[in-house]
Protein backbone atom coordinates (compact mmCIF):
# COMPACT_ATOMS: atom_id res chain seq x y z
CA MET A 1 -4.12 4.17 -21.52
CA LEU A 2 -7.18 3.80 -19.01
CA PRO A 3 -10.56 3.22 -20.81
CA LEU A 4 -12.79 4.54 -18.28
CA VAL A 5 -11.89 8.43 -18.51
CA LEU A 6 -13.45 10.59 -16.32
CA ALA A 7 -15.20 13.72 -18.01
CA ALA A 8 -16.99 15.20 -14.96
CA CYS A 9 -15.41 16.53 -11.82
CA SER A 10 -16.83 14.11 -9.42
CA VAL A 11 -16.34 10.25 -8.97
CA SER A 12 -19.32 8.40 -7.84
CA GLU A 13 -18.59 5.09 -5.63
CA ASP A 14 -19.79 3.17 -8.41
CA GLN A 15 -17.10 4.74 -10.91
CA GLU A 16 -14.32 4.57 -8.06
CA VAL A 17 -14.92 0.90 -7.65
CA ALA A 18 -14.74 0.00 -11.46
CA ILE A 19 -11.74 2.16 -11.90
CA GLY A 20 -10.09 0.10 -9.23
CA ARG A 21 -11.35 -3.16 -10.72
CA GLU A 22 -10.26 -2.28 -14.40
CA ASN A 23 -6.76 -1.48 -13.23
CA ALA A 24 -6.56 -4.35 -10.84
CA GLU A 25 -7.23 -6.57 -13.64
CA GLN A 26 -4.51 -4.69 -15.97
CA ILE A 27 -2.06 -4.73 -12.89
CA GLU A 28 -2.26 -8.43 -12.26
CA GLN A 29 -1.95 -9.33 -15.77
CA GLN A 30 1.43 -7.83 -15.57
CA LEU A 31 2.73 -7.84 -12.09
CA PRO A 32 4.39 -10.85 -10.57
CA ILE A 33 1.75 -11.86 -8.18
CA LEU A 34 3.12 -14.18 -5.65
CA ALA A 35 1.88 -17.66 -6.10
CA ASP A 36 1.33 -19.03 -2.64
CA GLU A 37 -1.87 -19.64 -1.30
CA GLU A 38 -1.09 -19.48 2.30
CA VAL A 39 0.58 -16.32 2.31
CA GLN A 40 -2.06 -14.77 0.09
CA ALA A 41 -4.82 -16.08 2.31
CA PHE A 42 -3.04 -14.64 5.38
CA VAL A 43 -2.70 -11.16 4.02
CA SER A 44 -5.90 -11.21 2.78
CA SER A 45 -7.66 -12.10 6.01
CA LEU A 46 -5.57 -9.71 8.14
CA GLY A 47 -6.78 -7.00 5.81
CA LYS A 48 -10.34 -7.85 5.66
CA VAL A 49 -10.45 -8.14 9.43
CA MET A 50 -9.10 -4.49 9.57
CA ALA A 51 -11.29 -3.27 6.45
CA ALA A 52 -14.39 -4.46 8.25
CA THR A 53 -14.00 -2.05 11.10
CA THR A 54 -13.93 0.82 8.75
CA THR A 55 -16.62 3.17 7.62
CA ARG A 56 -16.31 1.49 4.14
CA ALA A 57 -16.63 -1.78 5.20
CA ASP A 58 -19.19 -2.60 2.48
CA LEU A 59 -16.49 -2.53 -0.24
CA GLU A 60 -15.47 -5.63 -1.73
CA TRP A 61 -11.89 -5.48 -0.23
CA ARG A 62 -9.16 -7.60 -1.89
CA PHE A 63 -5.41 -7.87 -1.04
CA ARG A 64 -2.85 -9.31 -2.93
CA VAL A 65 1.05 -9.87 -2.55
CA VAL A 66 3.36 -9.19 -5.41
CA ASP A 67 6.36 -11.20 -5.83
CA SER A 68 8.76 -8.30 -5.83
CA ARG A 69 11.78 -7.36 -3.40
CA GLN A 70 11.04 -3.68 -3.48
CA VAL A 71 9.65 -2.71 0.13
CA ASN A 72 6.32 -0.75 -0.89
CA ALA A 73 2.34 -1.15 -1.05
CA PHE A 74 -0.23 0.81 -2.72
CA ALA A 75 -4.02 1.03 -2.74
CA LEU A 76 -6.29 1.40 -5.87
CA PRO A 77 -9.43 3.19 -5.67
CA GLY A 78 -12.44 1.14 -4.41
CA GLY A 79 -10.33 -1.39 -1.99
CA PHE A 80 -7.74 -3.04 -4.04
CA ILE A 81 -4.80 -3.03 -2.01
CA TYR A 82 -1.22 -4.53 -3.09
CA VAL A 83 1.90 -5.53 -0.61
CA ASN A 84 5.18 -6.53 -2.05
CA ARG A 85 6.90 -9.61 -0.84
CA GLY A 86 9.83 -7.40 0.21
CA LEU A 87 7.81 -5.48 2.58
CA LEU A 88 6.50 -8.74 4.25
CA GLU A 89 10.05 -9.70 4.64
CA GLN A 90 11.37 -6.28 6.20
CA ALA A 91 8.24 -6.25 8.70
CA ASP A 92 9.50 -7.87 12.10
CA ASP A 93 6.07 -8.68 13.48
CA LEU A 94 2.51 -8.56 13.01
CA SER A 95 1.84 -5.02 14.30
CA GLU A 96 4.55 -3.47 11.58
CA LEU A 97 2.62 -5.44 8.66
CA ALA A 98 -0.80 -4.31 10.04
CA GLY A 99 0.36 -0.78 10.36
CA VAL A 100 1.02 -0.70 6.61
CA LEU A 101 -2.22 -2.20 5.87
CA GLY A 102 -4.05 -0.10 7.88
CA HIS A 103 -2.50 2.91 6.49
CA GLU A 104 -3.30 1.86 2.79
CA ILE A 105 -6.93 1.09 3.96
CA GLY A 106 -7.12 4.66 5.17
CA HIS A 107 -6.23 6.05 1.70
CA VAL A 108 -9.17 4.08 0.45
CA THR A 109 -11.62 5.03 3.11
CA ARG A 110 -10.67 8.74 2.76
CA ARG A 111 -10.77 8.47 -1.11
CA HIS A 112 -7.48 9.88 -1.54
CA SER A 113 -6.85 8.46 -4.85
CA VAL A 114 -10.52 9.71 -5.81
CA GLN A 115 -9.76 13.34 -4.70
CA GLN A 116 -6.66 13.29 -6.99
CA MET A 117 -8.70 12.14 -9.88
CA GLU A 118 -11.36 14.77 -9.35
CA LYS A 119 -8.72 17.35 -9.53
CA ALA A 120 -7.01 15.96 -12.60
CA GLN A 121 -10.51 14.59 -14.26
CA LYS A 122 -8.26 12.15 -16.22
CA THR A 123 -5.72 9.57 -15.01
CA ASN A 124 -3.64 6.47 -15.95
CA VAL A 125 -3.66 4.61 -12.85
CA GLY A 126 -2.42 1.33 -14.13
CA VAL A 127 0.58 2.58 -15.67
CA THR A 128 1.58 4.47 -12.41
CA VAL A 129 0.90 1.54 -10.16
CA LEU A 130 2.94 -0.88 -12.32
CA CYS A 131 5.86 1.76 -12.03
CA THR A 132 5.55 2.35 -8.22
CA LEU A 133 5.14 -1.33 -7.06
CA THR A 134 7.99 -2.54 -9.09
CA ASN A 135 10.71 -1.20 -11.32
CA VAL A 136 9.19 -1.87 -14.44
CA CYS A 137 9.28 1.86 -15.92
CA GLU A 138 13.00 2.16 -16.19
CA SER A 139 12.97 3.38 -19.96
CA GLY A 140 12.17 6.92 -21.04
CA VAL A 141 9.43 6.12 -23.17
CA ALA A 142 7.56 4.62 -20.12
CA GLN A 143 8.29 7.73 -18.07
CA ALA A 144 7.08 9.87 -20.77
CA ALA A 145 3.98 8.10 -21.42
CA ILE A 146 3.08 8.57 -17.60
CA ASN A 147 4.02 12.12 -17.44
CA VAL A 148 1.92 12.78 -20.53
CA GLY A 149 -0.84 10.69 -19.25
CA GLY A 150 -1.36 12.72 -15.88
CA GLY A 151 -0.80 9.46 -14.17
CA LEU A 152 2.20 10.95 -12.15
CA MET A 153 0.47 12.72 -9.55
CA MET A 154 -1.22 9.29 -8.54
CA ALA A 155 2.41 7.98 -7.49
CA LYS A 156 2.49 10.20 -4.71
CA HIS A 157 0.28 11.23 -1.94
CA SER A 158 0.56 14.49 -0.21
CA ARG A 159 1.78 14.81 2.93
CA LYS A 160 -1.43 15.84 4.28
CA SER A 161 -3.05 12.70 2.95
CA GLU A 162 -0.04 10.62 4.32
CA GLN A 163 -0.86 12.03 7.82
CA GLU A 164 -4.46 11.53 7.70
CA ALA A 165 -3.58 7.72 6.54
CA ASP A 166 -1.30 7.45 9.27
CA SER A 167 -4.04 8.83 11.70
CA ASP A 168 -6.49 6.11 10.35
CA ALA A 169 -3.80 3.34 10.47
CA VAL A 170 -3.70 3.83 14.24
CA VAL A 171 -7.48 3.39 14.59
CA ASN A 172 -7.48 0.40 12.14
CA VAL A 173 -4.82 -1.31 13.87
CA ILE A 174 -6.55 -0.84 17.38
CA SER A 175 -10.11 -1.81 16.17
CA ALA A 176 -8.60 -5.15 14.82
CA GLY A 177 -7.06 -5.75 18.15
CA ILE A 178 -3.26 -5.31 17.20
CA ASP A 179 -0.74 -2.86 19.16
CA PRO A 180 -0.38 0.25 16.96
CA ARG A 181 3.14 0.82 18.20
CA GLY A 182 4.24 -1.00 15.39
CA ILE A 183 3.70 1.77 12.80
CA PRO A 184 6.32 4.27 14.34
CA ALA A 185 8.60 1.10 14.64
CA PHE A 186 8.40 0.27 11.07
CA PHE A 187 8.87 3.82 9.95
CA GLU A 188 12.02 3.81 11.74
CA GLU A 189 13.09 0.59 10.24
CA LEU A 190 12.25 1.88 6.64
CA MET A 191 14.36 4.99 7.39
CA THR A 192 17.06 2.96 8.51
CA GLY A 193 16.93 0.43 5.58
CA ARG A 194 16.88 3.29 3.16
CA ARG A 195 20.42 4.42 4.19
CA ARG A 196 21.78 1.03 4.42
CA ARG A 197 20.00 -0.35 1.01
CA PRO A 198 18.49 2.38 -0.87
CA ALA A 199 17.54 0.34 -4.13
CA ALA A 200 15.50 -1.68 -1.94
CA PHE A 201 13.27 1.22 -0.55
CA GLU A 202 13.12 3.96 -3.38
CA THR A 203 9.74 2.88 -4.55
CA TRP A 204 8.52 3.37 -0.89
CA PHE A 205 9.94 6.67 -0.43
CA SER A 206 8.93 7.92 -4.07
CA THR A 207 5.20 7.21 -3.07
CA HIS A 208 5.22 7.65 0.59
CA PRO A 209 6.65 10.80 1.90
CA LEU A 210 8.51 10.02 5.14
CA GLU A 211 10.27 12.10 7.77
CA GLU A 212 11.04 12.13 11.37
CA SER A 213 8.14 14.55 11.89
CA ARG A 214 5.71 11.54 10.70
CA VAL A 215 7.40 9.28 13.32
CA ARG A 216 7.09 11.54 16.04
CA ALA A 217 3.33 12.46 14.96
CA THR A 218 2.49 8.74 15.39
CA ARG A 219 4.07 8.30 18.41
CA GLU A 220 2.28 11.34 19.97
CA MET A 221 -1.14 10.01 18.64
CA ILE A 222 -0.37 6.51 20.33
CA SER A 223 0.76 8.35 23.59
CA ASP A 224 -2.51 10.02 23.89
CA ILE A 225 -4.34 6.60 23.88
CA ASP A 226 -5.31 5.12 27.50
CA PRO A 227 -2.41 2.90 28.20
CA ALA A 228 -5.15 0.49 29.29
CA ARG A 229 -6.50 0.13 25.86
CA LEU A 230 -3.04 -1.12 24.69
CA GLU A 231 -2.16 -3.59 27.15
CA ASN A 232 -4.02 -6.62 25.79
CA LEU A 233 -3.18 -5.79 22.00
CA LYS A 234 -1.24 -8.31 19.98
CA ARG A 235 2.00 -7.37 18.90
CA ASP A 236 2.68 -10.47 16.95
CA LEU A 237 1.53 -14.03 16.42
CA PRO A 238 3.14 -17.27 15.43
CA ASP A 239 1.25 -17.38 11.99
CA PHE A 240 3.00 -14.20 10.94
CA GLN A 241 6.24 -15.64 11.73
CA ARG A 242 5.53 -18.86 9.99
CA ILE A 243 4.54 -16.87 6.83
CA LYS A 244 7.88 -15.06 6.93
CA SER A 245 9.92 -18.56 7.15
CA ARG A 246 7.84 -19.75 4.42
CA LEU A 247 9.00 -16.48 2.43
CA ALA A 248 12.42 -17.14 3.29
CA ALA A 249 12.35 -20.64 2.07
CA MET A 250 10.93 -19.48 -1.36
CA PRO A 251 13.01 -18.79 -4.48
CA PRO A 252 13.89 -15.10 -4.94
CA PRO A 253 11.63 -12.70 -6.55
CA PRO A 254 12.06 -12.14 -10.25
CA GLU A 255 14.06 -9.13 -11.53
CA PRO A 256 12.35 -6.24 -12.85
CA VAL A 257 11.66 -6.17 -16.17
CA GLN A 258 12.02 -3.05 -18.54
CA ARG A 259 8.74 -2.26 -20.22
CA LYS A 260 8.86 -0.43 -23.42
CA ASP A 261 5.49 -1.41 -24.53
CA LEU A 262 3.48 0.48 -22.05
CA PRO A 263 1.01 2.98 -23.33
């Protein structure tokens, strides 16, 4: 159970960062963080470049890659963002990865998780993130703990929050000099992938409501941008393809572990 319990209805920025940091420590003790400095450095550098263009550039942003085959990403309060190896492998080019990072950054800048906490007044973020980033919560005991603890609401943002994060993703990606057209392209890949390999994509769709309407909405946002602004934006970089090749040469991720000892 999260020790830092929120008794009041509002969450200050200091509290937000403290909650994120505390849960990041818990998560990184239990999740298989990818032990490859080059991959971690690439994702961290890209994420920080994008975060530096936002209204919350002053946060101590941290980006980590989880060694999981599940296609997913998740943001903790305060700027702690996790991306699964499976998502890096699924992304065809830099713009698709940047779109996901820009989306998760948007959740943080808009304090979506904080808004949920303020409504709930208590939460167990750590348990929920463990369940959504990997498949560790497969026992009835763990699922019951999540429901009782009130953390389940943290596992899935509302459609409104997802749409807001999509809008921010377009802005964040362009601000970093990257082509935003990778955002709807990746959404379509996810929907196609779900039909072909549902198990690999189930955690993404359980935490990110995704329908054709979101694909259309992001395309419409991008179509409203002056085409001249899109001309010289990067769609891909050799460095990203090198990272993908590096991942492909690594041993497969560990199998998900059933956790029966979660609080």
